[in-house]
């Protein structure tokens, strides 16, 4: 313990960065746990689509969507969202909505906007299409 205190005292900047990183990880973890928008696995997405009439909303560009996408997924790129909002999804308001992007990073903003717009069951595909394809699940080309 004495060596740790000596190290922290001699390397104040490095210690401060380390503490900041730990705090950021804790805050991010708590935000994810408390968020109404949950991250789900590819297997959970399959379950929601097959058993609960879930809808996969692919927010990637038209070009990426046409190259490969989840079967029965609706393509709603960011450009269309800014133009029309979520009017094309109104008929699915009570169904589970799973937002899919390339790597699971950009989907959180759209998922939060969907939740604010009154969609009750909104989730994000953790890892995005990369996780879907990595799991060996079928895609439509």
N, C-alpha and C. Protein backbone atom coordinates (compact mmCIF):
# COMPACT_ATOMS: atom_id res chain seq x y z
N UNK A 1 0.83 -1.19 0.00
CA UNK A 1 0.00 0.00 0.00
C UNK A 1 0.87 1.25 0.00
N UNK A 2 1.97 1.18 0.70
CA UNK A 2 2.88 2.32 0.76
C UNK A 2 3.44 2.65 -0.62
N UNK A 3 3.76 1.60 -1.41
CA UNK A 3 4.28 1.82 -2.75
C UNK A 3 3.23 2.47 -3.65
N UNK A 4 2.00 2.09 -3.46
CA UNK A 4 0.91 2.67 -4.25
C UNK A 4 0.78 4.17 -3.97
N UNK A 5 0.84 4.55 -2.69
CA UNK A 5 0.74 5.96 -2.32
C UNK A 5 1.94 6.74 -2.85
N UNK A 6 3.11 6.16 -2.77
CA UNK A 6 4.31 6.80 -3.30
C UNK A 6 4.18 7.00 -4.81
N UNK A 7 3.73 5.96 -5.51
CA UNK A 7 3.55 6.05 -6.96
C UNK A 7 2.55 7.15 -7.31
N UNK A 8 1.40 7.18 -6.60
CA UNK A 8 0.37 8.19 -6.88
C UNK A 8 0.90 9.59 -6.62
N UNK A 9 1.69 9.74 -5.58
CA UNK A 9 2.25 11.06 -5.28
C UNK A 9 3.26 11.52 -6.31
N UNK A 10 4.06 10.61 -6.82
CA UNK A 10 5.09 10.96 -7.79
C UNK A 10 4.54 11.09 -9.21
N UNK A 11 3.40 10.48 -9.48
CA UNK A 11 2.80 10.51 -10.82
C UNK A 11 1.36 11.02 -10.72
N UNK A 12 1.21 12.26 -10.32
CA UNK A 12 -0.11 12.83 -10.07
C UNK A 12 -0.98 12.85 -11.32
N UNK A 13 -0.42 13.22 -12.45
CA UNK A 13 -1.20 13.30 -13.69
C UNK A 13 -1.68 11.91 -14.10
N UNK A 14 -0.79 10.96 -14.07
CA UNK A 14 -1.15 9.59 -14.44
C UNK A 14 -2.21 9.04 -13.49
N UNK A 15 -2.07 9.31 -12.22
CA UNK A 15 -3.06 8.85 -11.24
C UNK A 15 -4.41 9.52 -11.46
N UNK A 16 -4.40 10.81 -11.78
CA UNK A 16 -5.65 11.53 -12.04
C UNK A 16 -6.36 10.98 -13.28
N UNK A 17 -5.59 10.67 -14.31
CA UNK A 17 -6.18 10.08 -15.52
C UNK A 17 -6.79 8.72 -15.21
N UNK A 18 -6.09 7.92 -14.42
CA UNK A 18 -6.58 6.60 -14.04
C UNK A 18 -7.89 6.72 -13.27
N UNK A 19 -7.95 7.64 -12.31
CA UNK A 19 -9.17 7.84 -11.52
C UNK A 19 -10.31 8.31 -12.42
N UNK A 20 -10.01 9.23 -13.34
CA UNK A 20 -11.04 9.73 -14.27
C UNK A 20 -11.59 8.61 -15.13
N UNK A 21 -10.74 7.72 -15.62
CA UNK A 21 -11.20 6.59 -16.42
C UNK A 21 -12.09 5.65 -15.62
N UNK A 22 -11.71 5.37 -14.40
CA UNK A 22 -12.52 4.50 -13.54
C UNK A 22 -13.89 5.13 -13.30
N UNK A 23 -13.92 6.42 -13.00
CA UNK A 23 -15.19 7.11 -12.78
C UNK A 23 -16.06 7.08 -14.04
N UNK A 24 -15.45 7.30 -15.21
CA UNK A 24 -16.21 7.28 -16.46
C UNK A 24 -16.79 5.90 -16.73
N UNK A 25 -16.04 4.86 -16.45
CA UNK A 25 -16.55 3.49 -16.65
C UNK A 25 -17.72 3.22 -15.71
N UNK A 26 -17.60 3.65 -14.47
CA UNK A 26 -18.68 3.43 -13.51
C UNK A 26 -19.93 4.21 -13.92
N UNK A 27 -19.77 5.47 -14.31
CA UNK A 27 -20.92 6.29 -14.72
C UNK A 27 -21.59 5.69 -15.95
N UNK A 28 -20.82 5.26 -16.93
CA UNK A 28 -21.39 4.66 -18.13
C UNK A 28 -22.13 3.38 -17.80
N UNK A 29 -21.58 2.56 -16.94
CA UNK A 29 -22.24 1.32 -16.55
C UNK A 29 -23.56 1.59 -15.85
N UNK A 30 -23.58 2.55 -14.95
CA UNK A 30 -24.82 2.90 -14.24
C UNK A 30 -25.86 3.45 -15.21
N UNK A 31 -25.43 4.30 -16.16
CA UNK A 31 -26.36 4.84 -17.16
C UNK A 31 -26.99 3.73 -17.98
N UNK A 32 -26.20 2.76 -18.40
CA UNK A 32 -26.71 1.65 -19.20
C UNK A 32 -27.72 0.84 -18.39
N UNK A 33 -27.41 0.57 -17.14
CA UNK A 33 -28.32 -0.22 -16.29
C UNK A 33 -29.63 0.50 -16.02
N UNK A 34 -29.60 1.82 -15.87
CA UNK A 34 -30.80 2.58 -15.55
C UNK A 34 -31.57 3.06 -16.78
N UNK A 35 -31.00 2.93 -17.94
CA UNK A 35 -31.64 3.41 -19.16
C UNK A 35 -32.87 2.57 -19.51
N UNK A 36 -33.93 3.22 -20.00
CA UNK A 36 -35.10 2.46 -20.45
C UNK A 36 -34.82 1.68 -21.74
N UNK A 37 -33.77 2.08 -22.45
CA UNK A 37 -33.37 1.40 -23.68
C UNK A 37 -32.31 0.36 -23.33
N UNK A 38 -32.62 -0.90 -23.58
CA UNK A 38 -31.71 -1.99 -23.22
C UNK A 38 -30.93 -2.48 -24.42
N UNK A 39 -29.75 -3.02 -24.17
CA UNK A 39 -28.95 -3.64 -25.22
C UNK A 39 -29.25 -5.13 -25.20
N UNK A 40 -29.51 -5.69 -26.38
CA UNK A 40 -29.84 -7.11 -26.46
C UNK A 40 -28.87 -7.82 -27.41
N UNK A 41 -28.79 -9.13 -27.25
CA UNK A 41 -27.92 -9.95 -28.08
C UNK A 41 -28.63 -10.32 -29.39
N UNK A 42 -27.89 -10.81 -30.37
CA UNK A 42 -28.53 -11.27 -31.60
C UNK A 42 -29.57 -12.37 -31.35
N UNK A 43 -29.32 -13.24 -30.39
CA UNK A 43 -30.28 -14.30 -30.09
C UNK A 43 -31.57 -13.71 -29.50
N UNK A 44 -31.43 -12.69 -28.65
CA UNK A 44 -32.61 -12.03 -28.10
C UNK A 44 -33.42 -11.33 -29.19
N UNK A 45 -32.72 -10.73 -30.15
CA UNK A 45 -33.41 -10.09 -31.28
C UNK A 45 -34.23 -11.12 -32.04
N UNK A 46 -33.65 -12.27 -32.30
CA UNK A 46 -34.37 -13.35 -32.99
C UNK A 46 -35.61 -13.75 -32.21
N UNK A 47 -35.47 -13.88 -30.90
CA UNK A 47 -36.60 -14.23 -30.04
C UNK A 47 -37.70 -13.17 -30.14
N UNK A 48 -37.32 -11.90 -30.03
CA UNK A 48 -38.32 -10.83 -30.08
C UNK A 48 -39.03 -10.78 -31.43
N UNK A 49 -38.30 -10.98 -32.51
CA UNK A 49 -38.92 -10.93 -33.84
C UNK A 49 -39.84 -12.13 -34.07
N UNK A 50 -39.44 -13.30 -33.60
CA UNK A 50 -40.23 -14.51 -33.86
C UNK A 50 -41.42 -14.67 -32.92
N UNK A 51 -41.27 -14.29 -31.66
CA UNK A 51 -42.31 -14.56 -30.67
C UNK A 51 -43.13 -13.35 -30.26
N UNK A 52 -42.57 -12.16 -30.36
CA UNK A 52 -43.28 -10.98 -29.89
C UNK A 52 -43.52 -9.95 -30.99
N UNK A 53 -43.40 -10.36 -32.24
CA UNK A 53 -43.60 -9.49 -33.39
C UNK A 53 -42.72 -8.25 -33.33
N UNK A 54 -41.48 -8.45 -32.91
CA UNK A 54 -40.52 -7.35 -32.86
C UNK A 54 -40.14 -6.87 -34.25
N UNK A 55 -39.70 -5.63 -34.31
CA UNK A 55 -39.33 -5.01 -35.57
C UNK A 55 -37.89 -4.53 -35.49
N UNK A 56 -37.06 -5.02 -36.40
CA UNK A 56 -35.68 -4.55 -36.48
C UNK A 56 -35.66 -3.32 -37.37
N UNK A 57 -35.11 -2.22 -36.85
CA UNK A 57 -35.00 -0.97 -37.60
C UNK A 57 -33.53 -0.73 -37.87
N UNK A 58 -33.15 -0.87 -39.13
CA UNK A 58 -31.76 -0.73 -39.56
C UNK A 58 -31.52 0.74 -39.92
N UNK A 59 -30.65 1.42 -39.17
CA UNK A 59 -30.43 2.85 -39.40
C UNK A 59 -29.19 3.12 -40.26
N UNK A 60 -28.62 2.08 -40.83
CA UNK A 60 -27.45 2.28 -41.70
C UNK A 60 -27.90 2.90 -43.02
N UNK A 61 -26.96 3.32 -43.83
CA UNK A 61 -27.28 3.94 -45.12
C UNK A 61 -27.94 2.92 -46.05
N UNK A 62 -28.60 3.44 -47.06
CA UNK A 62 -29.26 2.56 -48.04
C UNK A 62 -28.26 1.60 -48.68
N UNK A 63 -27.07 2.09 -48.97
CA UNK A 63 -26.05 1.25 -49.61
C UNK A 63 -25.66 0.08 -48.70
N UNK A 64 -25.43 0.35 -47.42
CA UNK A 64 -25.07 -0.72 -46.48
C UNK A 64 -26.23 -1.68 -46.28
N UNK A 65 -27.44 -1.14 -46.22
CA UNK A 65 -28.63 -1.96 -46.04
C UNK A 65 -28.81 -2.92 -47.22
N UNK A 66 -28.62 -2.41 -48.43
CA UNK A 66 -28.79 -3.25 -49.62
C UNK A 66 -27.70 -4.31 -49.72
N UNK A 67 -26.52 -4.03 -49.18
CA UNK A 67 -25.43 -5.02 -49.23
C UNK A 67 -25.76 -6.23 -48.37
N UNK A 68 -26.31 -6.01 -47.18
CA UNK A 68 -26.76 -7.11 -46.32
C UNK A 68 -27.53 -6.52 -45.15
N UNK A 69 -28.63 -7.20 -44.81
CA UNK A 69 -29.44 -6.77 -43.67
C UNK A 69 -30.17 -7.95 -43.06
N UNK A 70 -30.71 -7.74 -41.88
CA UNK A 70 -31.49 -8.76 -41.18
C UNK A 70 -32.80 -8.94 -41.93
N UNK A 71 -33.24 -10.19 -42.04
CA UNK A 71 -34.49 -10.48 -42.73
C UNK A 71 -35.63 -9.69 -42.09
N UNK A 72 -36.49 -9.11 -42.90
CA UNK A 72 -37.66 -8.32 -42.49
C UNK A 72 -37.31 -7.04 -41.75
N UNK A 73 -36.07 -6.60 -41.79
CA UNK A 73 -35.70 -5.35 -41.14
C UNK A 73 -36.20 -4.17 -41.97
N UNK A 74 -36.57 -3.11 -41.29
CA UNK A 74 -37.01 -1.88 -41.95
C UNK A 74 -35.81 -0.94 -42.01
N UNK A 75 -35.53 -0.41 -43.21
CA UNK A 75 -34.42 0.53 -43.35
C UNK A 75 -34.92 1.94 -43.08
N UNK A 76 -34.32 2.58 -42.09
CA UNK A 76 -34.69 3.95 -41.74
C UNK A 76 -33.40 4.72 -41.44
N UNK A 77 -32.69 5.13 -42.52
CA UNK A 77 -31.42 5.83 -42.31
C UNK A 77 -31.64 7.18 -41.61
N UNK A 78 -30.58 7.72 -41.05
CA UNK A 78 -30.67 8.97 -40.30
C UNK A 78 -31.25 10.11 -41.12
N UNK A 79 -31.00 10.13 -42.43
CA UNK A 79 -31.54 11.19 -43.28
C UNK A 79 -33.07 11.16 -43.27
N UNK A 80 -33.65 9.97 -43.35
CA UNK A 80 -35.10 9.83 -43.34
C UNK A 80 -35.68 10.18 -41.97
N UNK A 81 -34.94 9.88 -40.93
CA UNK A 81 -35.42 10.19 -39.57
C UNK A 81 -35.50 11.70 -39.39
N UNK A 82 -34.49 12.43 -39.85
CA UNK A 82 -34.52 13.88 -39.70
C UNK A 82 -35.61 14.51 -40.56
N UNK A 83 -35.93 13.92 -41.70
CA UNK A 83 -36.98 14.45 -42.57
C UNK A 83 -38.38 14.15 -42.03
N UNK A 84 -38.66 12.89 -41.77
CA UNK A 84 -40.02 12.45 -41.45
C UNK A 84 -40.22 12.02 -40.01
N UNK A 85 -39.17 11.97 -39.22
CA UNK A 85 -39.31 11.44 -37.87
C UNK A 85 -39.57 9.94 -37.93
N UNK A 86 -40.48 9.50 -37.09
CA UNK A 86 -40.75 8.06 -37.00
C UNK A 86 -42.15 7.71 -37.51
N UNK A 87 -42.66 8.49 -38.44
CA UNK A 87 -44.02 8.26 -38.94
C UNK A 87 -44.18 6.89 -39.57
N UNK A 88 -43.14 6.38 -40.21
CA UNK A 88 -43.25 5.07 -40.85
C UNK A 88 -43.31 3.93 -39.83
N UNK A 89 -43.00 4.21 -38.57
CA UNK A 89 -43.02 3.17 -37.53
C UNK A 89 -44.24 3.26 -36.62
N UNK A 90 -45.13 4.20 -36.85
CA UNK A 90 -46.27 4.41 -35.96
C UNK A 90 -47.12 3.15 -35.78
N UNK A 91 -47.26 2.36 -36.85
CA UNK A 91 -48.09 1.15 -36.74
C UNK A 91 -47.43 0.08 -35.86
N UNK A 92 -46.15 0.24 -35.56
CA UNK A 92 -45.42 -0.72 -34.72
C UNK A 92 -45.16 -0.17 -33.31
N UNK A 93 -45.91 0.85 -32.91
CA UNK A 93 -45.64 1.55 -31.65
C UNK A 93 -45.70 0.64 -30.42
N UNK A 94 -46.57 -0.37 -30.46
CA UNK A 94 -46.71 -1.26 -29.30
C UNK A 94 -45.82 -2.50 -29.39
N UNK A 95 -45.16 -2.70 -30.52
CA UNK A 95 -44.28 -3.86 -30.71
C UNK A 95 -42.88 -3.52 -30.21
N UNK A 96 -42.10 -4.53 -29.88
CA UNK A 96 -40.69 -4.28 -29.55
C UNK A 96 -39.95 -3.76 -30.79
N UNK A 97 -39.21 -2.69 -30.60
CA UNK A 97 -38.41 -2.10 -31.68
C UNK A 97 -36.94 -2.31 -31.31
N UNK A 98 -36.18 -2.88 -32.24
CA UNK A 98 -34.76 -3.11 -32.02
C UNK A 98 -34.00 -2.30 -33.07
N UNK A 99 -33.22 -1.33 -32.60
CA UNK A 99 -32.46 -0.45 -33.49
C UNK A 99 -31.12 -1.11 -33.80
N UNK A 100 -30.80 -1.18 -35.09
CA UNK A 100 -29.58 -1.87 -35.56
C UNK A 100 -28.74 -0.88 -36.35
N UNK A 101 -27.46 -0.78 -35.99
CA UNK A 101 -26.51 -0.01 -36.79
C UNK A 101 -25.33 -0.92 -37.13
N UNK A 102 -24.25 -0.37 -37.60
CA UNK A 102 -23.13 -1.20 -38.02
C UNK A 102 -22.44 -1.90 -36.85
N UNK A 103 -22.14 -1.14 -35.79
CA UNK A 103 -21.37 -1.71 -34.69
C UNK A 103 -22.04 -1.56 -33.33
N UNK A 104 -23.25 -1.04 -33.29
CA UNK A 104 -23.95 -0.89 -32.01
C UNK A 104 -23.64 0.39 -31.28
N UNK A 105 -23.00 1.33 -31.96
CA UNK A 105 -22.60 2.57 -31.30
C UNK A 105 -23.58 3.71 -31.60
N UNK A 106 -23.92 3.89 -32.86
CA UNK A 106 -24.76 5.04 -33.25
C UNK A 106 -26.24 4.80 -32.99
N UNK A 107 -26.61 3.59 -32.64
CA UNK A 107 -28.03 3.27 -32.45
C UNK A 107 -28.62 3.87 -31.19
N UNK A 108 -27.80 4.19 -30.22
CA UNK A 108 -28.33 4.65 -28.93
C UNK A 108 -29.09 5.97 -29.04
N UNK A 109 -28.61 6.90 -29.85
CA UNK A 109 -29.32 8.18 -30.00
C UNK A 109 -30.69 7.97 -30.61
N UNK A 110 -30.76 7.18 -31.66
CA UNK A 110 -32.04 6.91 -32.32
C UNK A 110 -32.97 6.16 -31.37
N UNK A 111 -32.44 5.20 -30.63
CA UNK A 111 -33.25 4.44 -29.68
C UNK A 111 -33.82 5.34 -28.59
N UNK A 112 -33.01 6.26 -28.08
CA UNK A 112 -33.50 7.20 -27.08
C UNK A 112 -34.57 8.13 -27.66
N UNK A 113 -34.37 8.56 -28.90
CA UNK A 113 -35.38 9.40 -29.56
C UNK A 113 -36.69 8.63 -29.75
N UNK A 114 -36.59 7.36 -30.10
CA UNK A 114 -37.79 6.53 -30.23
C UNK A 114 -38.52 6.41 -28.89
N UNK A 115 -37.78 6.20 -27.83
CA UNK A 115 -38.39 6.09 -26.51
C UNK A 115 -39.09 7.40 -26.14
N UNK A 116 -38.45 8.54 -26.41
CA UNK A 116 -39.05 9.84 -26.13
C UNK A 116 -40.29 10.08 -26.98
N UNK A 117 -40.33 9.46 -28.17
CA UNK A 117 -41.48 9.63 -29.07
C UNK A 117 -42.65 8.74 -28.68
N UNK A 118 -42.49 7.95 -27.62
CA UNK A 118 -43.61 7.15 -27.12
C UNK A 118 -43.57 5.68 -27.46
N UNK A 119 -42.49 5.21 -28.05
CA UNK A 119 -42.34 3.78 -28.31
C UNK A 119 -41.92 3.12 -27.01
N UNK A 120 -42.73 2.19 -26.54
CA UNK A 120 -42.55 1.65 -25.19
C UNK A 120 -41.40 0.65 -25.08
N UNK A 121 -41.25 -0.22 -26.06
CA UNK A 121 -40.27 -1.31 -25.96
C UNK A 121 -39.16 -1.11 -26.99
N UNK A 122 -38.16 -0.32 -26.64
CA UNK A 122 -37.07 -0.02 -27.56
C UNK A 122 -35.78 -0.65 -27.03
N UNK A 123 -35.06 -1.30 -27.94
CA UNK A 123 -33.79 -1.93 -27.59
C UNK A 123 -32.76 -1.62 -28.67
N UNK A 124 -31.51 -1.93 -28.35
CA UNK A 124 -30.41 -1.77 -29.30
C UNK A 124 -29.75 -3.14 -29.47
N UNK A 125 -29.41 -3.48 -30.72
CA UNK A 125 -28.66 -4.72 -30.96
C UNK A 125 -27.22 -4.46 -30.55
N UNK A 126 -26.80 -5.10 -29.48
CA UNK A 126 -25.44 -4.93 -28.96
C UNK A 126 -24.44 -5.47 -29.99
N UNK A 127 -23.55 -4.62 -30.45
CA UNK A 127 -22.58 -5.02 -31.46
C UNK A 127 -23.06 -4.81 -32.88
N UNK A 128 -24.32 -4.43 -33.06
CA UNK A 128 -24.87 -4.13 -34.38
C UNK A 128 -24.80 -5.28 -35.36
N UNK A 129 -24.75 -4.93 -36.64
CA UNK A 129 -24.69 -5.95 -37.69
C UNK A 129 -23.42 -6.79 -37.60
N UNK A 130 -22.35 -6.20 -37.06
CA UNK A 130 -21.12 -6.98 -36.89
C UNK A 130 -21.36 -8.17 -35.96
N UNK A 131 -22.10 -7.96 -34.88
CA UNK A 131 -22.41 -9.05 -33.95
C UNK A 131 -23.35 -10.05 -34.59
N UNK A 132 -24.33 -9.56 -35.36
CA UNK A 132 -25.28 -10.43 -36.03
C UNK A 132 -24.56 -11.37 -36.99
N UNK A 133 -23.71 -10.83 -37.82
CA UNK A 133 -22.98 -11.64 -38.79
C UNK A 133 -21.93 -12.51 -38.09
N UNK A 134 -21.33 -11.99 -37.01
CA UNK A 134 -20.35 -12.78 -36.25
C UNK A 134 -20.98 -14.00 -35.60
N UNK A 135 -22.29 -13.90 -35.29
CA UNK A 135 -22.99 -15.04 -34.70
C UNK A 135 -23.42 -16.05 -35.77
N UNK A 136 -23.17 -15.73 -37.03
CA UNK A 136 -23.53 -16.65 -38.12
C UNK A 136 -25.00 -16.67 -38.44
N UNK A 137 -25.72 -15.62 -38.10
CA UNK A 137 -27.15 -15.57 -38.36
C UNK A 137 -27.41 -15.08 -39.80
N UNK A 138 -28.56 -15.44 -40.36
CA UNK A 138 -28.80 -15.17 -41.77
C UNK A 138 -29.00 -13.68 -42.07
N UNK A 139 -28.53 -13.29 -43.25
CA UNK A 139 -28.74 -11.95 -43.75
C UNK A 139 -29.31 -12.02 -45.15
N UNK A 140 -30.02 -10.98 -45.54
CA UNK A 140 -30.56 -10.91 -46.89
C UNK A 140 -29.70 -9.95 -47.66
N UNK A 141 -29.35 -10.36 -48.88
CA UNK A 141 -28.51 -9.51 -49.72
C UNK A 141 -29.26 -9.07 -50.95
